[in-house]
Amino acid sequence: MFSNRVLVRAATESTLTSAERTALWDVITGRLNAEGPAWKERVDWKNLWNARVCSARKHDGLLAVEAARTGGGANPVGPLNEVETRILAIVGRDSSRGCGGLRPRQSLPSSSEASPPLPAELFYQEESLGAPPEVPLQPASQPAPSGGGQPAADCGE
């Protein structure tokens, strides 16, 4: 797989057509079946590869989460094995650890640009040292919605 790294890219990122991807997987399938002892179809080898990539990414992600926790002590998640290390060298660690530093930058206004106006409630005369201008008060307690005391459900449910 290391020599065919273009296969591990997402279909949207790859320059290969579907037919070219299938042809490369056929070549890899032929090589793997020639090695033996296992003999599998192209789909089975692809599924095995995808399962191993998924497992390696999960393990690497767990390592990252445990390393970031506080409390000291030994990391309860064991280290990556040789196969997982090689798989992550091929596919990268972006999906298990994030894309560090590749987030889009937010444009900040320059010091010469005027800031947007603030709401009037935020201004008051310093001399008065009183409260800000009167803002209509909302009642402190709202009647409970009728729902039998049940908490609101998530939006997805």
N, C-alpha and C. Protein backbone atom coordinates (compact mmCIF):
# COMPACT_ATOMS: atom_id res chain seq x y z
N MET A 1 0.82 -1.19 0.00
CA MET A 1 0.00 0.00 0.00
C MET A 1 0.87 1.26 0.00
N PHE A 2 2.07 1.15 0.56
CA PHE A 2 2.91 2.34 0.64
C PHE A 2 3.24 2.87 -0.75
N SER A 3 3.42 1.99 -1.72
CA SER A 3 3.72 2.44 -3.08
C SER A 3 2.47 2.90 -3.81
N ASN A 4 1.29 2.62 -3.28
CA ASN A 4 0.02 3.04 -3.89
C ASN A 4 -0.75 3.95 -2.94
N ARG A 5 -0.06 4.94 -2.40
CA ARG A 5 -0.67 5.83 -1.40
C ARG A 5 -1.85 6.61 -1.96
N VAL A 6 -1.90 6.75 -3.28
CA VAL A 6 -3.00 7.50 -3.88
C VAL A 6 -4.33 6.79 -3.62
N LEU A 7 -4.29 5.49 -3.35
CA LEU A 7 -5.52 4.74 -3.07
C LEU A 7 -6.11 5.08 -1.71
N VAL A 8 -5.28 5.50 -0.78
CA VAL A 8 -5.80 5.74 0.56
C VAL A 8 -6.41 7.13 0.70
N ARG A 9 -6.26 7.96 -0.29
CA ARG A 9 -6.90 9.27 -0.27
C ARG A 9 -8.38 9.10 -0.51
N ALA A 10 -9.14 10.02 0.01
CA ALA A 10 -10.59 9.99 -0.22
C ALA A 10 -10.86 10.15 -1.70
N ALA A 11 -11.96 9.61 -2.15
CA ALA A 11 -12.30 9.67 -3.57
C ALA A 11 -12.39 11.11 -4.05
N THR A 12 -12.76 12.03 -3.18
CA THR A 12 -12.86 13.43 -3.58
C THR A 12 -11.51 14.10 -3.70
N GLU A 13 -10.48 13.55 -3.03
CA GLU A 13 -9.15 14.14 -3.07
C GLU A 13 -8.25 13.48 -4.11
N SER A 14 -8.61 12.32 -4.57
CA SER A 14 -7.76 11.55 -5.46
C SER A 14 -7.91 12.02 -6.90
N THR A 15 -6.82 11.87 -7.64
CA THR A 15 -6.85 12.19 -9.07
C THR A 15 -7.21 10.97 -9.90
N LEU A 16 -7.38 9.82 -9.25
CA LEU A 16 -7.69 8.59 -9.97
C LEU A 16 -9.18 8.51 -10.29
N THR A 17 -9.46 7.91 -11.42
CA THR A 17 -10.85 7.61 -11.75
C THR A 17 -11.25 6.33 -11.04
N SER A 18 -12.51 6.04 -11.04
CA SER A 18 -13.01 4.83 -10.40
C SER A 18 -12.39 3.59 -11.06
N ALA A 19 -12.29 3.61 -12.38
CA ALA A 19 -11.71 2.47 -13.10
C ALA A 19 -10.24 2.28 -12.74
N GLU A 20 -9.50 3.39 -12.59
CA GLU A 20 -8.09 3.29 -12.22
C GLU A 20 -7.93 2.77 -10.79
N ARG A 21 -8.81 3.20 -9.90
CA ARG A 21 -8.76 2.70 -8.53
C ARG A 21 -9.03 1.20 -8.49
N THR A 22 -10.02 0.76 -9.26
CA THR A 22 -10.35 -0.66 -9.31
C THR A 22 -9.18 -1.45 -9.88
N ALA A 23 -8.54 -0.93 -10.91
CA ALA A 23 -7.39 -1.62 -11.51
C ALA A 23 -6.24 -1.73 -10.52
N LEU A 24 -5.97 -0.67 -9.76
CA LEU A 24 -4.91 -0.74 -8.74
C LEU A 24 -5.25 -1.75 -7.66
N TRP A 25 -6.51 -1.77 -7.22
CA TRP A 25 -6.91 -2.76 -6.22
C TRP A 25 -6.79 -4.17 -6.78
N ASP A 26 -7.04 -4.35 -8.06
CA ASP A 26 -6.87 -5.67 -8.67
C ASP A 26 -5.40 -6.10 -8.64
N VAL A 27 -4.49 -5.16 -8.90
CA VAL A 27 -3.05 -5.46 -8.84
C VAL A 27 -2.66 -5.84 -7.42
N ILE A 28 -3.11 -5.06 -6.45
CA ILE A 28 -2.80 -5.36 -5.05
C ILE A 28 -3.39 -6.70 -4.64
N THR A 29 -4.61 -6.97 -5.07
CA THR A 29 -5.26 -8.25 -4.76
C THR A 29 -4.44 -9.41 -5.32
N GLY A 30 -3.96 -9.27 -6.55
CA GLY A 30 -3.14 -10.32 -7.15
C GLY A 30 -1.86 -10.56 -6.36
N ARG A 31 -1.21 -9.47 -5.92
CA ARG A 31 0.03 -9.61 -5.14
C ARG A 31 -0.24 -10.27 -3.79
N LEU A 32 -1.30 -9.84 -3.12
CA LEU A 32 -1.61 -10.42 -1.81
C LEU A 32 -2.00 -11.88 -1.92
N ASN A 33 -2.78 -12.23 -2.93
CA ASN A 33 -3.17 -13.63 -3.11
C ASN A 33 -1.97 -14.48 -3.49
N ALA A 34 -1.00 -13.92 -4.21
CA ALA A 34 0.21 -14.67 -4.57
C ALA A 34 1.07 -14.93 -3.35
N GLU A 35 1.06 -14.00 -2.38
CA GLU A 35 1.83 -14.18 -1.15
C GLU A 35 1.30 -15.35 -0.34
N GLY A 36 -0.03 -15.50 -0.34
CA GLY A 36 -0.66 -16.57 0.42
C GLY A 36 -0.49 -16.36 1.91
N PRO A 37 -0.98 -17.20 2.75
CA PRO A 37 -1.85 -18.32 2.46
C PRO A 37 -3.29 -17.90 2.23
N ALA A 38 -3.63 -16.67 2.62
CA ALA A 38 -5.02 -16.24 2.44
C ALA A 38 -5.28 -15.91 0.98
N TRP A 39 -6.50 -16.19 0.54
CA TRP A 39 -6.93 -15.82 -0.81
C TRP A 39 -8.27 -15.12 -0.65
N LYS A 40 -8.34 -13.89 -1.15
CA LYS A 40 -9.56 -13.10 -1.00
C LYS A 40 -9.87 -12.38 -2.30
N GLU A 41 -11.12 -11.98 -2.42
CA GLU A 41 -11.54 -11.14 -3.55
C GLU A 41 -11.10 -9.70 -3.27
N ARG A 42 -11.13 -8.87 -4.30
CA ARG A 42 -10.75 -7.46 -4.17
C ARG A 42 -11.55 -6.78 -3.06
N VAL A 43 -12.85 -6.99 -3.04
CA VAL A 43 -13.72 -6.36 -2.04
C VAL A 43 -13.32 -6.78 -0.63
N ASP A 44 -12.95 -8.04 -0.46
CA ASP A 44 -12.57 -8.53 0.87
C ASP A 44 -11.25 -7.91 1.33
N TRP A 45 -10.28 -7.77 0.40
CA TRP A 45 -9.02 -7.12 0.76
C TRP A 45 -9.25 -5.65 1.09
N LYS A 46 -10.12 -4.98 0.34
CA LYS A 46 -10.43 -3.58 0.64
C LYS A 46 -11.09 -3.45 2.01
N ASN A 47 -12.01 -4.35 2.32
CA ASN A 47 -12.68 -4.31 3.62
C ASN A 47 -11.70 -4.56 4.76
N LEU A 48 -10.77 -5.49 4.56
CA LEU A 48 -9.76 -5.77 5.57
C LEU A 48 -8.88 -4.54 5.78
N TRP A 49 -8.46 -3.92 4.69
CA TRP A 49 -7.64 -2.71 4.78
C TRP A 49 -8.38 -1.60 5.53
N ASN A 50 -9.61 -1.37 5.15
CA ASN A 50 -10.39 -0.31 5.79
C ASN A 50 -10.61 -0.58 7.27
N ALA A 51 -10.83 -1.84 7.63
CA ALA A 51 -11.01 -2.19 9.05
C ALA A 51 -9.73 -1.95 9.83
N ARG A 52 -8.59 -2.28 9.24
CA ARG A 52 -7.31 -2.07 9.94
C ARG A 52 -7.00 -0.58 10.07
N VAL A 53 -7.32 0.20 9.04
CA VAL A 53 -7.11 1.65 9.12
C VAL A 53 -7.99 2.23 10.22
N CYS A 54 -9.23 1.81 10.26
CA CYS A 54 -10.17 2.29 11.28
C CYS A 54 -9.66 1.95 12.68
N SER A 55 -9.20 0.74 12.86
CA SER A 55 -8.69 0.31 14.16
C SER A 55 -7.46 1.12 14.56
N ALA A 56 -6.54 1.34 13.63
CA ALA A 56 -5.33 2.10 13.93
C ALA A 56 -5.67 3.54 14.29
N ARG A 57 -6.60 4.14 13.57
CA ARG A 57 -7.00 5.52 13.86
C ARG A 57 -7.66 5.62 15.23
N LYS A 58 -8.51 4.66 15.56
CA LYS A 58 -9.16 4.68 16.88
C LYS A 58 -8.13 4.57 17.99
N HIS A 59 -7.19 3.64 17.83
CA HIS A 59 -6.16 3.44 18.84
C HIS A 59 -5.32 4.70 19.00
N ASP A 60 -4.94 5.32 17.89
CA ASP A 60 -4.14 6.54 17.93
C ASP A 60 -4.93 7.68 18.58
N GLY A 61 -6.20 7.77 18.27
CA GLY A 61 -7.04 8.80 18.88
C GLY A 61 -7.16 8.61 20.38
N LEU A 62 -7.32 7.36 20.82
CA LEU A 62 -7.39 7.07 22.26
C LEU A 62 -6.08 7.44 22.95
N LEU A 63 -4.96 7.17 22.29
CA LEU A 63 -3.66 7.55 22.86
C LEU A 63 -3.59 9.06 23.04
N ALA A 64 -4.05 9.80 22.05
CA ALA A 64 -4.00 11.26 22.13
C ALA A 64 -4.89 11.78 23.25
N VAL A 65 -6.08 11.21 23.39
CA VAL A 65 -7.00 11.65 24.45
C VAL A 65 -6.41 11.34 25.82
N GLU A 66 -5.89 10.15 26.00
CA GLU A 66 -5.32 9.77 27.30
C GLU A 66 -4.09 10.59 27.62
N ALA A 67 -3.28 10.92 26.62
CA ALA A 67 -2.08 11.72 26.87
C ALA A 67 -2.44 13.14 27.28
N ALA A 68 -3.58 13.64 26.84
CA ALA A 68 -3.99 15.01 27.17
C ALA A 68 -4.66 15.11 28.53
N ARG A 69 -5.03 14.00 29.11
CA ARG A 69 -5.70 14.02 30.41
C ARG A 69 -4.70 14.38 31.50
N THR A 70 -5.23 14.94 32.57
CA THR A 70 -4.38 15.26 33.70
C THR A 70 -4.47 14.13 34.71
N GLY A 71 -3.58 14.14 35.65
CA GLY A 71 -3.63 13.14 36.70
C GLY A 71 -2.38 12.30 36.79
N GLY A 72 -1.56 12.34 35.78
CA GLY A 72 -0.32 11.60 35.83
C GLY A 72 -0.53 10.10 35.76
N GLY A 73 0.52 9.39 36.00
CA GLY A 73 0.44 7.95 35.95
C GLY A 73 0.67 7.41 34.56
N ALA A 74 0.65 6.12 34.48
CA ALA A 74 0.89 5.45 33.20
C ALA A 74 -0.33 5.58 32.30
N ASN A 75 -0.09 5.62 31.02
CA ASN A 75 -1.18 5.69 30.04
C ASN A 75 -1.84 4.31 29.98
N PRO A 76 -3.15 4.22 30.28
CA PRO A 76 -3.80 2.92 30.28
C PRO A 76 -3.96 2.32 28.88
N VAL A 77 -3.82 3.15 27.85
CA VAL A 77 -3.92 2.65 26.48
C VAL A 77 -2.52 2.24 26.04
N GLY A 78 -2.38 1.01 25.60
CA GLY A 78 -1.08 0.53 25.18
C GLY A 78 -0.57 1.24 23.94
N PRO A 79 0.73 1.12 23.67
CA PRO A 79 1.29 1.78 22.49
C PRO A 79 0.81 1.13 21.19
N LEU A 80 0.98 1.86 20.10
CA LEU A 80 0.63 1.31 18.78
C LEU A 80 1.55 0.15 18.47
N ASN A 81 1.00 -0.87 17.82
CA ASN A 81 1.86 -1.96 17.38
C ASN A 81 2.49 -1.59 16.04
N GLU A 82 3.35 -2.46 15.52
CA GLU A 82 4.09 -2.15 14.30
C GLU A 82 3.17 -1.96 13.10
N VAL A 83 2.14 -2.78 12.99
CA VAL A 83 1.22 -2.68 11.86
C VAL A 83 0.46 -1.35 11.92
N GLU A 84 -0.02 -0.98 13.10
CA GLU A 84 -0.74 0.29 13.25
C GLU A 84 0.16 1.48 12.93
N THR A 85 1.41 1.40 13.36
CA THR A 85 2.36 2.47 13.08
C THR A 85 2.59 2.62 11.59
N ARG A 86 2.73 1.51 10.89
CA ARG A 86 2.95 1.56 9.44
C ARG A 86 1.71 2.07 8.72
N ILE A 87 0.53 1.64 9.17
CA ILE A 87 -0.71 2.11 8.54
C ILE A 87 -0.84 3.62 8.70
N LEU A 88 -0.58 4.13 9.90
CA LEU A 88 -0.69 5.57 10.13
C LEU A 88 0.37 6.35 9.37
N ALA A 89 1.52 5.72 9.11
CA ALA A 89 2.54 6.38 8.28
C ALA A 89 2.04 6.54 6.85
N ILE A 90 1.20 5.63 6.41
CA ILE A 90 0.66 5.68 5.05
C ILE A 90 -0.51 6.65 4.96
N VAL A 91 -1.47 6.53 5.87
CA VAL A 91 -2.71 7.31 5.75
C VAL A 91 -2.63 8.66 6.47
N GLY A 92 -1.69 8.83 7.36
CA GLY A 92 -1.57 10.07 8.10
C GLY A 92 -2.39 10.03 9.38
N ARG A 93 -2.13 11.00 10.24
CA ARG A 93 -2.80 11.03 11.54
C ARG A 93 -3.84 12.13 11.65
N ASP A 94 -4.13 12.79 10.55
CA ASP A 94 -5.10 13.89 10.60
C ASP A 94 -6.45 13.45 11.12
N SER A 95 -6.90 12.29 10.71
CA SER A 95 -8.24 11.86 11.11
C SER A 95 -8.29 11.33 12.53
N SER A 96 -7.15 10.99 13.10
CA SER A 96 -7.17 10.49 14.47
C SER A 96 -6.74 11.55 15.48
N ARG A 97 -5.95 12.51 15.05
CA ARG A 97 -5.45 13.52 15.97
C ARG A 97 -5.82 14.94 15.58
N GLY A 98 -6.46 15.11 14.46
CA GLY A 98 -6.84 16.45 14.02
C GLY A 98 -5.86 16.99 13.01
N CYS A 99 -6.21 18.10 12.43
CA CYS A 99 -5.42 18.69 11.35
C CYS A 99 -4.57 19.83 11.84
N GLY A 100 -4.01 19.76 12.99
CA GLY A 100 -3.27 20.82 13.63
C GLY A 100 -2.75 21.94 12.74
N GLY A 101 -3.27 23.12 12.93
CA GLY A 101 -2.79 24.29 12.23
C GLY A 101 -3.40 24.53 10.87
N LEU A 102 -4.26 23.67 10.41
CA LEU A 102 -4.84 23.85 9.09
C LEU A 102 -6.23 24.47 9.14
N ARG A 103 -6.61 24.98 10.28
CA ARG A 103 -7.92 25.62 10.39
C ARG A 103 -7.88 26.94 9.64
N PRO A 104 -8.98 27.30 9.01
CA PRO A 104 -8.98 28.59 8.29
C PRO A 104 -8.85 29.74 9.27
N ARG A 105 -8.09 30.73 8.86
CA ARG A 105 -7.90 31.90 9.71
C ARG A 105 -9.11 32.80 9.63
N GLN A 106 -9.46 33.34 10.76
CA GLN A 106 -10.56 34.30 10.78
C GLN A 106 -9.96 35.68 10.57
N SER A 107 -10.58 36.46 9.72
CA SER A 107 -10.06 37.79 9.48
C SER A 107 -10.45 38.70 10.64
N LEU A 108 -9.46 39.34 11.21
CA LEU A 108 -9.68 40.27 12.30
C LEU A 108 -9.61 41.68 11.74
N PRO A 109 -10.42 42.59 12.25
CA PRO A 109 -10.35 43.96 11.73
C PRO A 109 -9.01 44.59 12.08
N SER A 110 -8.46 45.35 11.16
CA SER A 110 -7.20 46.03 11.43
C SER A 110 -7.47 47.20 12.37
N SER A 111 -6.42 47.73 12.95
CA SER A 111 -6.59 48.82 13.92
C SER A 111 -7.12 50.08 13.26
N SER A 112 -6.95 50.21 11.94
CA SER A 112 -7.43 51.41 11.26
C SER A 112 -8.92 51.33 10.94
N GLU A 113 -9.48 50.12 10.94
CA GLU A 113 -10.89 49.96 10.63
C GLU A 113 -11.73 50.31 11.86
N ALA A 114 -12.85 50.93 11.62
CA ALA A 114 -13.75 51.29 12.72
C ALA A 114 -14.46 50.05 13.23
N SER A 115 -14.60 49.97 14.53
CA SER A 115 -15.34 48.87 15.13
C SER A 115 -16.83 49.09 14.93
N PRO A 116 -17.61 48.04 14.92
CA PRO A 116 -19.05 48.22 14.79
C PRO A 116 -19.59 48.94 16.02
N PRO A 117 -20.65 49.72 15.88
CA PRO A 117 -21.19 50.46 17.03
C PRO A 117 -21.74 49.51 18.09
N LEU A 118 -21.58 49.91 19.33
CA LEU A 118 -22.06 49.11 20.45
C LEU A 118 -23.49 49.51 20.78
N PRO A 119 -24.25 48.61 21.39
CA PRO A 119 -25.62 48.95 21.78
C PRO A 119 -25.63 50.08 22.80
N ALA A 120 -26.67 50.88 22.78
CA ALA A 120 -26.78 52.05 23.67
C ALA A 120 -26.77 51.65 25.14
N GLU A 121 -27.22 50.46 25.48
CA GLU A 121 -27.27 50.04 26.89
C GLU A 121 -25.88 49.99 27.52
N LEU A 122 -24.83 49.89 26.69
CA LEU A 122 -23.49 49.76 27.25
C LEU A 122 -22.88 51.10 27.62
N PHE A 123 -23.49 52.19 27.19
CA PHE A 123 -22.94 53.51 27.48
C PHE A 123 -23.69 54.17 28.63
N TYR A 124 -22.99 54.83 29.48
CA TYR A 124 -23.61 55.70 30.48
C TYR A 124 -22.58 56.73 30.91
N GLN A 125 -23.03 57.78 31.49
CA GLN A 125 -22.16 58.89 31.88
C GLN A 125 -21.33 58.48 33.08
N GLU A 126 -20.00 58.63 32.96
CA GLU A 126 -19.13 58.29 34.07
C GLU A 126 -19.36 59.23 35.25
N GLU A 127 -19.73 60.49 34.96
CA GLU A 127 -19.90 61.46 36.04
C GLU A 127 -21.03 61.05 36.97
N SER A 128 -22.07 60.46 36.43
CA SER A 128 -23.21 60.13 37.27
C SER A 128 -22.91 58.96 38.19
N LEU A 129 -22.01 58.11 37.80
CA LEU A 129 -21.67 56.90 38.56
C LEU A 129 -22.91 56.11 38.95
N GLY A 130 -23.93 56.33 38.21
CA GLY A 130 -25.17 55.62 38.47
C GLY A 130 -25.27 54.40 37.58
N ALA A 131 -26.44 53.90 37.53
CA ALA A 131 -26.71 52.72 36.71
C ALA A 131 -26.79 53.11 35.25
N PRO A 132 -26.62 52.19 34.38
CA PRO A 132 -26.80 52.47 32.96
C PRO A 132 -28.23 52.87 32.69
N PRO A 133 -28.50 53.41 31.50
CA PRO A 133 -29.87 53.82 31.20
C PRO A 133 -30.85 52.69 31.47
N GLU A 134 -32.06 53.10 31.80
CA GLU A 134 -33.09 52.12 32.14
C GLU A 134 -33.37 51.19 30.97
N VAL A 135 -33.34 49.93 31.28
CA VAL A 135 -33.68 48.89 30.31
C VAL A 135 -34.88 48.17 30.87
N PRO A 136 -35.92 47.97 30.08
CA PRO A 136 -37.09 47.28 30.62
C PRO A 136 -36.69 45.93 31.21
N LEU A 137 -37.11 45.68 32.42
CA LEU A 137 -36.78 44.44 33.10
C LEU A 137 -37.72 43.32 32.67
N GLN A 138 -37.17 42.14 32.56
CA GLN A 138 -37.96 40.95 32.27
C GLN A 138 -38.39 40.35 33.60
N PRO A 139 -39.55 39.75 33.68
CA PRO A 139 -39.95 39.10 34.92
C PRO A 139 -38.93 38.03 35.31
N ALA A 140 -38.65 37.95 36.61
CA ALA A 140 -37.65 37.01 37.09
C ALA A 140 -38.06 35.57 36.89
N SER A 141 -39.33 35.29 37.04
CA SER A 141 -39.75 33.90 36.89
C SER A 141 -40.78 33.81 35.78
N GLN A 142 -40.55 32.90 34.90
CA GLN A 142 -41.49 32.64 33.81
C GLN A 142 -42.28 31.40 34.19
N PRO A 143 -43.54 31.32 33.80
CA PRO A 143 -44.29 30.10 34.09
C PRO A 143 -43.65 28.92 33.37
N ALA A 144 -43.63 27.79 34.04
CA ALA A 144 -43.03 26.58 33.46
C ALA A 144 -43.86 26.11 32.29
N PRO A 145 -43.20 25.69 31.21
CA PRO A 145 -43.96 25.18 30.07
C PRO A 145 -44.66 23.88 30.45
N SER A 146 -45.80 23.68 29.86
CA SER A 146 -46.53 22.45 30.18
C SER A 146 -45.88 21.30 29.43
N GLY A 147 -45.35 20.38 30.15
CA GLY A 147 -44.72 19.21 29.56
C GLY A 147 -44.58 18.13 30.59
N GLY A 148 -45.28 18.30 31.69
CA GLY A 148 -45.23 17.27 32.71
C GLY A 148 -43.92 17.27 33.47
N GLY A 149 -43.18 18.39 33.43
CA GLY A 149 -41.92 18.45 34.16
C GLY A 149 -40.80 17.71 33.46
N GLN A 150 -41.02 17.27 32.24
CA GLN A 150 -39.98 16.56 31.50
C GLN A 150 -39.03 17.56 30.87
N PRO A 151 -37.72 17.26 30.85
CA PRO A 151 -36.79 18.16 30.18
C PRO A 151 -37.03 18.13 28.68
N ALA A 152 -36.64 19.21 28.03
CA ALA A 152 -36.82 19.30 26.58
C ALA A 152 -35.97 18.24 25.89
N ALA A 153 -36.51 17.66 24.85
CA ALA A 153 -35.78 16.63 24.10
C ALA A 153 -34.78 17.30 23.18
N ASP A 154 -33.78 16.54 22.77
CA ASP A 154 -32.81 17.04 21.81
C ASP A 154 -33.51 17.33 20.50
N CYS A 155 -32.90 18.20 19.72
CA CYS A 155 -33.49 18.58 18.43
C CYS A 155 -33.61 17.39 17.50
N GLY A 156 -32.70 16.44 17.62
CA GLY A 156 -32.69 15.31 16.69
C GLY A 156 -33.74 14.26 17.00
N GLU A 157 -34.41 14.37 18.11
CA GLU A 157 -35.36 13.32 18.47
C GLU A 157 -36.77 13.76 18.24
